[in-house]
Amino acid sequence: MCGLMGEGEESEPKLGTHYWPGNNNALLLAVSDEKIKPLCELVRKLKVEHPRAGLRAFFYIQFHHQALDSYHRALYRKSVTPQKPHP
């Protein structure tokens, strides 16, 4: 997805205006549960190598009438970050 607007914790807002120029991009992936941890680790590694890049990893777990195990609950809590209000 291209042309997204928003504000990150580590970068200036990108709102597509003269005052806050620029836009963001997003990549959405549908992966199996086994791929979540390696992908999150890859994003962490890229963030260390490129600290100003504004990379984020979020995931949504689709429930299939079963309880969420402790591993996925912990990953979910780490992935959810509060958003700053826009000025």
PDB file of N, CA and C in Angstrom:
ATOM      1  N   MET A   1       0.846  -1.149   0.000  1.00  0.00           N
ATOM      2  CA  MET A   1       0.000   0.000   0.000  1.00  0.00           C
ATOM      3  C   MET A   1       0.906   1.230   0.000  1.00  0.00           C
ATOM      4  N   CYS A   2       0.653   2.124  -0.889  1.00  0.00           N
ATOM      5  CA  CYS A   2       1.476   3.327  -1.014  1.00  0.00           C
ATOM      6  C   CYS A   2       0.646   4.562  -0.689  1.00  0.00           C
ATOM      7  N   GLY A   3       1.326   5.618  -0.312  1.00  0.00           N
ATOM      8  CA  GLY A   3       0.650   6.891  -0.079  1.00  0.00           C
ATOM      9  C   GLY A   3      -0.076   6.989   1.244  1.00  0.00           C
ATOM     10  N   LEU A   4       0.332   6.214   2.218  1.00  0.00           N
ATOM     11  CA  LEU A   4      -0.314   6.254   3.529  1.00  0.00           C
ATOM     12  C   LEU A   4       0.206   7.438   4.328  1.00  0.00           C
ATOM     13  N   MET A   5      -0.645   7.998   5.171  1.00  0.00           N
ATOM     14  CA  MET A   5      -0.246   9.123   6.000  1.00  0.00           C
ATOM     15  C   MET A   5      -0.237   8.701   7.459  1.00  0.00           C
ATOM     16  N   GLY A   6       0.663   9.298   8.240  1.00  0.00           N
ATOM     17  CA  GLY A   6       0.704   8.968   9.652  1.00  0.00           C
ATOM     18  C   GLY A   6       1.908   9.561  10.344  1.00  0.00           C
ATOM     19  N   GLU A   7       2.006   9.237  11.622  1.00  0.00           N
ATOM     20  CA  GLU A   7       3.084   9.746  12.446  1.00  0.00           C
ATOM     21  C   GLU A   7       3.689   8.603  13.230  1.00  0.00           C
ATOM     22  N   GLY A   8       4.998   8.472  13.165  1.00  0.00           N
ATOM     23  CA  GLY A   8       5.682   7.429  13.895  1.00  0.00           C
ATOM     24  C   GLY A   8       6.314   7.974  15.161  1.00  0.00           C
ATOM     25  N   GLU A   9       6.835   7.070  15.960  1.00  0.00           N
ATOM     26  CA  GLU A   9       7.494   7.468  17.202  1.00  0.00           C
ATOM     27  C   GLU A   9       8.911   7.959  16.963  1.00  0.00           C
ATOM     28  N   GLU A  10       9.540   7.531  15.884  1.00  0.00           N
ATOM     29  CA  GLU A  10      10.949   7.821  15.653  1.00  0.00           C
ATOM     30  C   GLU A  10      11.184   8.715  14.443  1.00  0.00           C
ATOM     31  N   SER A  11      10.130   9.263  13.858  1.00  0.00           N
ATOM     32  CA  SER A  11      10.293  10.084  12.668  1.00  0.00           C
ATOM     33  C   SER A  11       9.248  11.206  12.673  1.00  0.00           C
ATOM     34  N   GLU A  12       9.451  12.140  11.772  1.00  0.00           N
ATOM     35  CA  GLU A  12       8.491  13.233  11.633  1.00  0.00           C
ATOM     36  C   GLU A  12       7.217  12.710  10.989  1.00  0.00           C
ATOM     37  N   PRO A  13       6.090  13.397  11.228  1.00  0.00           N
ATOM     38  CA  PRO A  13       4.843  12.981  10.572  1.00  0.00           C
ATOM     39  C   PRO A  13       4.971  13.067   9.049  1.00  0.00           C
ATOM     40  N   LYS A  14       4.297  12.187   8.389  1.00  0.00           N
ATOM     41  CA  LYS A  14       4.207  12.206   6.928  1.00  0.00           C
ATOM     42  C   LYS A  14       2.717  12.259   6.604  1.00  0.00           C
ATOM     43  N   LEU A  15       2.233  13.487   6.380  1.00  0.00           N
ATOM     44  CA  LEU A  15       0.796  13.704   6.214  1.00  0.00           C
ATOM     45  C   LEU A  15       0.431  14.213   4.827  1.00  0.00           C
ATOM     46  N   GLY A  16       1.406  14.260   3.910  1.00  0.00           N
ATOM     47  CA  GLY A  16       1.119  14.658   2.541  1.00  0.00           C
ATOM     48  C   GLY A  16       0.751  16.122   2.387  1.00  0.00           C
ATOM     49  N   THR A  17       1.165  16.973   3.324  1.00  0.00           N
ATOM     50  CA  THR A  17       0.863  18.404   3.250  1.00  0.00           C
ATOM     51  C   THR A  17       2.168  19.175   3.045  1.00  0.00           C
ATOM     52  N   HIS A  18       2.059  20.496   2.805  1.00  0.00           N
ATOM     53  CA  HIS A  18       3.262  21.311   2.676  1.00  0.00           C
ATOM     54  C   HIS A  18       4.015  21.359   4.002  1.00  0.00           C
ATOM     55  N   TYR A  19       3.275  21.387   5.099  1.00  0.00           N
ATOM     56  CA  TYR A  19       3.904  21.463   6.412  1.00  0.00           C
ATOM     57  C   TYR A  19       4.519  20.128   6.827  1.00  0.00           C
ATOM     58  N   TRP A  20       3.795  19.034   6.569  1.00  0.00           N
ATOM     59  CA  TRP A  20       4.288  17.681   6.875  1.00  0.00           C
ATOM     60  C   TRP A  20       4.307  16.878   5.574  1.00  0.00           C
ATOM     61  N   PRO A  21       5.320  17.112   4.712  1.00  0.00           N
ATOM     62  CA  PRO A  21       5.336  16.425   3.411  1.00  0.00           C
ATOM     63  C   PRO A  21       5.678  14.943   3.538  1.00  0.00           C
ATOM     64  N   GLY A  22       5.384  14.238   2.487  1.00  0.00           N
ATOM     65  CA  GLY A  22       5.749  12.828   2.411  1.00  0.00           C
ATOM     66  C   GLY A  22       4.603  11.895   2.750  1.00  0.00           C
ATOM     67  N   ASN A  23       4.811  10.646   2.439  1.00  0.00           N
ATOM     68  CA  ASN A  23       3.848   9.584   2.704  1.00  0.00           C
ATOM     69  C   ASN A  23       4.589   8.345   3.185  1.00  0.00           C
ATOM     70  N   ASN A  24       3.841   7.384   3.669  1.00  0.00           N
ATOM     71  CA  ASN A  24       4.390   6.111   4.131  1.00  0.00           C
ATOM     72  C   ASN A  24       3.943   5.000   3.201  1.00  0.00           C
ATOM     73  N   ASN A  25       4.563   3.855   3.347  1.00  0.00           N
ATOM     74  CA  ASN A  25       4.181   2.657   2.607  1.00  0.00           C
ATOM     75  C   ASN A  25       3.988   1.517   3.593  1.00  0.00           C
ATOM     76  N   ALA A  26       3.165   0.553   3.206  1.00  0.00           N
ATOM     77  CA  ALA A  26       2.932  -0.616   4.050  1.00  0.00           C
ATOM     78  C   ALA A  26       2.949  -1.872   3.185  1.00  0.00           C
ATOM     79  N   LEU A  27       3.438  -2.932   3.764  1.00  0.00           N
ATOM     80  CA  LEU A  27       3.459  -4.233   3.115  1.00  0.00           C
ATOM     81  C   LEU A  27       2.645  -5.179   3.990  1.00  0.00           C
ATOM     82  N   LEU A  28       1.591  -5.737   3.437  1.00  0.00           N
ATOM     83  CA  LEU A  28       0.746  -6.672   4.175  1.00  0.00           C
ATOM     84  C   LEU A  28       1.065  -8.088   3.727  1.00  0.00           C
ATOM     85  N   LEU A  29       1.289  -8.978   4.699  1.00  0.00           N
ATOM     86  CA  LEU A  29       1.625 -10.369   4.404  1.00  0.00           C
ATOM     87  C   LEU A  29       0.666 -11.289   5.148  1.00  0.00           C
ATOM     88  N   ALA A  30       0.258 -12.345   4.515  1.00  0.00           N
ATOM     89  CA  ALA A  30      -0.509 -13.404   5.171  1.00  0.00           C
ATOM     90  C   ALA A  30       0.433 -14.598   5.307  1.00  0.00           C
ATOM     91  N   VAL A  31       0.776 -14.935   6.549  1.00  0.00           N
ATOM     92  CA  VAL A  31       1.746 -16.000   6.785  1.00  0.00           C
ATOM     93  C   VAL A  31       1.225 -16.956   7.853  1.00  0.00           C
ATOM     94  N   SER A  32       1.814 -18.126   7.902  1.00  0.00           N
ATOM     95  CA  SER A  32       1.463 -19.093   8.936  1.00  0.00           C
ATOM     96  C   SER A  32       2.045 -18.641  10.269  1.00  0.00           C
ATOM     97  N   ASP A  33       1.538 -19.201  11.349  1.00  0.00           N
ATOM     98  CA  ASP A  33       1.999 -18.847  12.690  1.00  0.00           C
ATOM     99  C   ASP A  33       3.504 -19.044  12.863  1.00  0.00           C
ATOM    100  N   GLU A  34       4.063 -20.056  12.204  1.00  0.00           N
ATOM    101  CA  GLU A  34       5.488 -20.343  12.353  1.00  0.00           C
ATOM    102  C   GLU A  34       6.364 -19.234  11.769  1.00  0.00           C
ATOM    103  N   LYS A  35       5.821 -18.433  10.855  1.00  0.00           N
ATOM    104  CA  LYS A  35       6.597 -17.381  10.196  1.00  0.00           C
ATOM    105  C   LYS A  35       6.592 -16.069  10.982  1.00  0.00           C
ATOM    106  N   ILE A  36       5.713 -15.915  11.973  1.00  0.00           N
ATOM    107  CA  ILE A  36       5.593 -14.646  12.690  1.00  0.00           C
ATOM    108  C   ILE A  36       6.878 -14.293  13.420  1.00  0.00           C
ATOM    109  N   LYS A  37       7.403 -15.212  14.202  1.00  0.00           N
ATOM    110  CA  LYS A  37       8.606 -14.927  14.991  1.00  0.00           C
ATOM    111  C   LYS A  37       9.800 -14.595  14.098  1.00  0.00           C
ATOM    112  N   PRO A  38      10.112 -15.376  13.041  1.00  0.00           N
ATOM    113  CA  PRO A  38      11.244 -15.009  12.178  1.00  0.00           C
ATOM    114  C   PRO A  38      11.063 -13.648  11.498  1.00  0.00           C
ATOM    115  N   LEU A  39       9.839 -13.312  11.104  1.00  0.00           N
ATOM    116  CA  LEU A  39       9.613 -12.016  10.472  1.00  0.00           C
ATOM    117  C   LEU A  39       9.808 -10.873  11.468  1.00  0.00           C
ATOM    118  N   CYS A  40       9.328 -11.039  12.705  1.00  0.00           N
ATOM    119  CA  CYS A  40       9.537 -10.016  13.738  1.00  0.00           C
ATOM    120  C   CYS A  40      11.019  -9.854  14.042  1.00  0.00           C
ATOM    121  N   GLU A  41      11.755 -10.953  14.076  1.00  0.00           N
ATOM    122  CA  GLU A  41      13.200 -10.880  14.312  1.00  0.00           C
ATOM    123  C   GLU A  41      13.909 -10.170  13.157  1.00  0.00           C
ATOM    124  N   LEU A  42      13.462 -10.405  11.923  1.00  0.00           N
ATOM    125  CA  LEU A  42      14.040  -9.719  10.775  1.00  0.00           C
ATOM    126  C   LEU A  42      13.804  -8.212  10.870  1.00  0.00           C
ATOM    127  N   VAL A  43      12.604  -7.819  11.256  1.00  0.00           N
ATOM    128  CA  VAL A  43      12.303  -6.384  11.397  1.00  0.00           C
ATOM    129  C   VAL A  43      13.169  -5.774  12.493  1.00  0.00           C
ATOM    130  N   ARG A  44      13.329  -6.469  13.619  1.00  0.00           N
ATOM    131  CA  ARG A  44      14.209  -5.970  14.691  1.00  0.00           C
ATOM    132  C   ARG A  44      15.638  -5.768  14.183  1.00  0.00           C
ATOM    133  N   LYS A  45      16.140  -6.726  13.404  1.00  0.00           N
ATOM    134  CA  LYS A  45      17.494  -6.624  12.856  1.00  0.00           C
ATOM    135  C   LYS A  45      17.592  -5.429  11.906  1.00  0.00           C
ATOM    136  N   LEU A  46      16.607  -5.243  11.044  1.00  0.00           N
ATOM    137  CA  LEU A  46      16.623  -4.118  10.110  1.00  0.00           C
ATOM    138  C   LEU A  46      16.545  -2.781  10.842  1.00  0.00           C
ATOM    139  N   LYS A  47      15.785  -2.734  11.944  1.00  0.00           N
ATOM    140  CA  LYS A  47      15.684  -1.504  12.735  1.00  0.00           C
ATOM    141  C   LYS A  47      17.031  -1.145  13.360  1.00  0.00           C
ATOM    142  N   VAL A  48      17.814  -2.150  13.770  1.00  0.00           N
ATOM    143  CA  VAL A  48      19.146  -1.887  14.322  1.00  0.00           C
ATOM    144  C   VAL A  48      20.065  -1.352  13.225  1.00  0.00           C
ATOM    145  N   GLU A  49      19.994  -1.950  12.044  1.00  0.00           N
ATOM    146  CA  GLU A  49      20.850  -1.534  10.929  1.00  0.00           C
ATOM    147  C   GLU A  49      20.441  -0.178  10.355  1.00  0.00           C
ATOM    148  N   HIS A  50      19.133   0.132  10.414  1.00  0.00           N
ATOM    149  CA  HIS A  50      18.594   1.369   9.829  1.00  0.00           C
ATOM    150  C   HIS A  50      17.647   2.022  10.835  1.00  0.00           C
ATOM    151  N   PRO A  51      18.184   2.634  11.896  1.00  0.00           N
ATOM    152  CA  PRO A  51      17.332   3.123  12.987  1.00  0.00           C
ATOM    153  C   PRO A  51      16.354   4.233  12.594  1.00  0.00           C
ATOM    154  N   ARG A  52      16.615   5.003  11.551  1.00  0.00           N
ATOM    155  CA  ARG A  52      15.712   6.082  11.158  1.00  0.00           C
ATOM    156  C   ARG A  52      14.721   5.664  10.074  1.00  0.00           C
ATOM    157  N   ALA A  53      14.695   4.400   9.716  1.00  0.00           N
ATOM    158  CA  ALA A  53      13.837   3.946   8.617  1.00  0.00           C
ATOM    159  C   ALA A  53      12.362   3.905   8.984  1.00  0.00           C
ATOM    160  N   GLY A  54      12.020   3.877  10.260  1.00  0.00           N
ATOM    161  CA  GLY A  54      10.615   3.851  10.649  1.00  0.00           C
ATOM    162  C   GLY A  54       9.935   2.519  10.381  1.00  0.00           C
ATOM    163  N   LEU A  55      10.646   1.437  10.498  1.00  0.00           N
ATOM    164  CA  LEU A  55      10.073   0.110  10.260  1.00  0.00           C
ATOM    165  C   LEU A  55       9.241  -0.341  11.453  1.00  0.00           C
ATOM    166  N   ARG A  56       8.138  -1.005  11.180  1.00  0.00           N
ATOM    167  CA  ARG A  56       7.282  -1.552  12.223  1.00  0.00           C
ATOM    168  C   ARG A  56       6.748  -2.912  11.764  1.00  0.00           C
ATOM    169  N   ALA A  57       6.524  -3.779  12.718  1.00  0.00           N
ATOM    170  CA  ALA A  57       5.890  -5.065  12.428  1.00  0.00           C
ATOM    171  C   ALA A  57       4.670  -5.202  13.331  1.00  0.00           C
ATOM    172  N   PHE A  58       3.545  -5.419  12.735  1.00  0.00           N
ATOM    173  CA  PHE A  58       2.297  -5.662  13.454  1.00  0.00           C
ATOM    174  C   PHE A  58       1.713  -6.953  12.912  1.00  0.00           C
ATOM    175  N   PHE A  59       0.988  -7.654  13.730  1.00  0.00           N
ATOM    176  CA  PHE A  59       0.311  -8.818  13.195  1.00  0.00           C
ATOM    177  C   PHE A  59      -1.048  -8.994  13.849  1.00  0.00           C
ATOM    178  N   TYR A  60      -1.898  -9.633  13.103  1.00  0.00           N
ATOM    179  CA  TYR A  60      -3.258  -9.914  13.532  1.00  0.00           C
ATOM    180  C   TYR A  60      -3.416 -11.424  13.488  1.00  0.00           C
ATOM    181  N   ILE A  61      -3.868 -11.966  14.574  1.00  0.00           N
ATOM    182  CA  ILE A  61      -4.069 -13.415  14.638  1.00  0.00           C
ATOM    183  C   ILE A  61      -5.548 -13.707  14.419  1.00  0.00           C
ATOM    184  N   GLN A  62      -5.828 -14.504  13.427  1.00  0.00           N
ATOM    185  CA  GLN A  62      -7.206 -14.884  13.165  1.00  0.00           C
ATOM    186  C   GLN A  62      -7.550 -16.062  14.067  1.00  0.00           C
ATOM    187  N   PHE A  63      -8.619 -15.932  14.806  1.00  0.00           N
ATOM    188  CA  PHE A  63      -9.023 -16.972  15.742  1.00  0.00           C
ATOM    189  C   PHE A  63      -9.858 -18.026  15.031  1.00  0.00           C
ATOM    190  N   HIS A  64      -9.556 -19.263  15.322  1.00  0.00           N
ATOM    191  CA  HIS A  64     -10.302 -20.387  14.769  1.00  0.00           C
ATOM    192  C   HIS A  64     -10.930 -21.168  15.912  1.00  0.00           C
ATOM    193  N   HIS A  65     -11.719 -20.492  16.729  1.00  0.00           N
ATOM    194  CA  HIS A  65     -12.411 -21.128  17.860  1.00  0.00           C
ATOM    195  C   HIS A  65     -11.451 -21.853  18.793  1.00  0.00           C
ATOM    196  N   GLN A  66     -10.286 -21.280  19.008  1.00  0.00           N
ATOM    197  CA  GLN A  66      -9.338 -21.874  19.947  1.00  0.00           C
ATOM    198  C   GLN A  66      -8.688 -20.760  20.757  1.00  0.00           C
ATOM    199  N   ALA A  67      -8.215 -21.093  21.921  1.00  0.00           N
ATOM    200  CA  ALA A  67      -7.596 -20.098  22.801  1.00  0.00           C
ATOM    201  C   ALA A  67      -6.239 -19.684  22.256  1.00  0.00           C
ATOM    202  N   LEU A  68      -5.883 -18.457  22.509  1.00  0.00           N
ATOM    203  CA  LEU A  68      -4.592 -17.932  22.110  1.00  0.00           C
ATOM    204  C   LEU A  68      -3.549 -18.405  23.117  1.00  0.00           C
ATOM    205  N   ASP A  69      -2.494 -19.039  22.636  1.00  0.00           N
ATOM    206  CA  ASP A  69      -1.491 -19.545  23.567  1.00  0.00           C
ATOM    207  C   ASP A  69      -0.620 -18.399  24.100  1.00  0.00           C
ATOM    208  N   SER A  70       0.160 -18.651  25.124  1.00  0.00           N
ATOM    209  CA  SER A  70       0.926 -17.608  25.803  1.00  0.00           C
ATOM    210  C   SER A  70       1.976 -16.983  24.886  1.00  0.00           C
ATOM    211  N   TYR A  71       2.559 -17.749  23.986  1.00  0.00           N
ATOM    212  CA  TYR A  71       3.558 -17.209  23.062  1.00  0.00           C
ATOM    213  C   TYR A  71       2.941 -16.113  22.191  1.00  0.00           C
ATOM    214  N   HIS A  72       1.784 -16.385  21.592  1.00  0.00           N
ATOM    215  CA  HIS A  72       1.147 -15.411  20.728  1.00  0.00           C
ATOM    216  C   HIS A  72       0.598 -14.221  21.518  1.00  0.00           C
ATOM    217  N   ARG A  73       0.134 -14.445  22.752  1.00  0.00           N
ATOM    218  CA  ARG A  73      -0.320 -13.320  23.584  1.00  0.00           C
ATOM    219  C   ARG A  73       0.838 -12.375  23.853  1.00  0.00           C
ATOM    220  N   ALA A  74       2.027 -12.927  24.167  1.00  0.00           N
ATOM    221  CA  ALA A  74       3.202 -12.097  24.443  1.00  0.00           C
ATOM    222  C   ALA A  74       3.622 -11.325  23.190  1.00  0.00           C
ATOM    223  N   LEU A  75       3.628 -11.974  22.039  1.00  0.00           N
ATOM    224  CA  LEU A  75       3.979 -11.293  20.800  1.00  0.00           C
ATOM    225  C   LEU A  75       2.970 -10.197  20.478  1.00  0.00           C
ATOM    226  N   TYR A  76       1.690 -10.482  20.714  1.00  0.00           N
ATOM    227  CA  TYR A  76       0.653  -9.487  20.418  1.00  0.00           C
ATOM    228  C   TYR A  76       0.839  -8.259  21.298  1.00  0.00           C
ATOM    229  N   ARG A  77       1.114  -8.445  22.587  1.00  0.00           N
ATOM    230  CA  ARG A  77       1.310  -7.301  23.485  1.00  0.00           C
ATOM    231  C   ARG A  77       2.505  -6.466  23.056  1.00  0.00           C
ATOM    232  N   LYS A  78       3.568  -7.104  22.567  1.00  0.00           N
ATOM    233  CA  LYS A  78       4.747  -6.375  22.122  1.00  0.00           C
ATOM    234  C   LYS A  78       4.490  -5.608  20.835  1.00  0.00           C
ATOM    235  N   SER A  79       3.589  -6.099  19.991  1.00  0.00           N
ATOM    236  CA  SER A  79       3.380  -5.478  18.685  1.00  0.00           C
ATOM    237  C   SER A  79       2.434  -4.297  18.736  1.00  0.00           C
ATOM    238  N   VAL A  80       1.620  -4.211  19.749  1.00  0.00           N
ATOM    239  CA  VAL A  80       0.638  -3.135  19.831  1.00  0.00           C
ATOM    240  C   VAL A  80       1.262  -1.943  20.530  1.00  0.00           C
ATOM    241  N   THR A  81       1.322  -0.826  19.835  1.00  0.00           N
ATOM    242  CA  THR A  81       1.872   0.380  20.428  1.00  0.00           C
ATOM    243  C   THR A  81       0.850   1.499  20.328  1.00  0.00           C
ATOM    244  N   PRO A  82       0.720   2.321  21.363  1.00  0.00           N
ATOM    245  CA  PRO A  82      -0.241   3.422  21.285  1.00  0.00           C
ATOM    246  C   PRO A  82       0.184   4.453  20.269  1.00  0.00           C
ATOM    247  N   GLN A  83      -0.783   5.039  19.583  1.00  0.00           N
ATOM    248  CA  GLN A  83      -0.510   6.054  18.591  1.00  0.00           C
ATOM    249  C   GLN A  83      -0.551   7.432  19.228  1.00  0.00           C
ATOM    250  N   LYS A  84       0.375   8.315  18.806  1.00  0.00           N
ATOM    251  CA  LYS A  84       0.371   9.687  19.289  1.00  0.00           C
ATOM    252  C   LYS A  84      -0.759  10.448  18.594  1.00  0.00           C
ATOM    253  N   PRO A  85      -1.427  11.354  19.306  1.00  0.00           N
ATOM    254  CA  PRO A  85      -2.441  12.186  18.621  1.00  0.00           C
ATOM    255  C   PRO A  85      -1.759  13.167  17.691  1.00  0.00           C
ATOM    256  N   HIS A  86      -2.427  13.486  16.579  1.00  0.00           N
ATOM    257  CA  HIS A  86      -1.895  14.461  15.629  1.00  0.00           C
ATOM    258  C   HIS A  86      -2.083  15.862  16.196  1.00  0.00           C
ATOM    259  N   PRO A  87      -1.130  16.761  15.908  1.00  0.00           N
ATOM    260  CA  PRO A  87      -1.251  18.146  16.415  1.00  0.00           C
ATOM    261  C   PRO A  87      -2.410  18.887  15.796  1.00  0.00           C
TER     262      PRO A  87
END
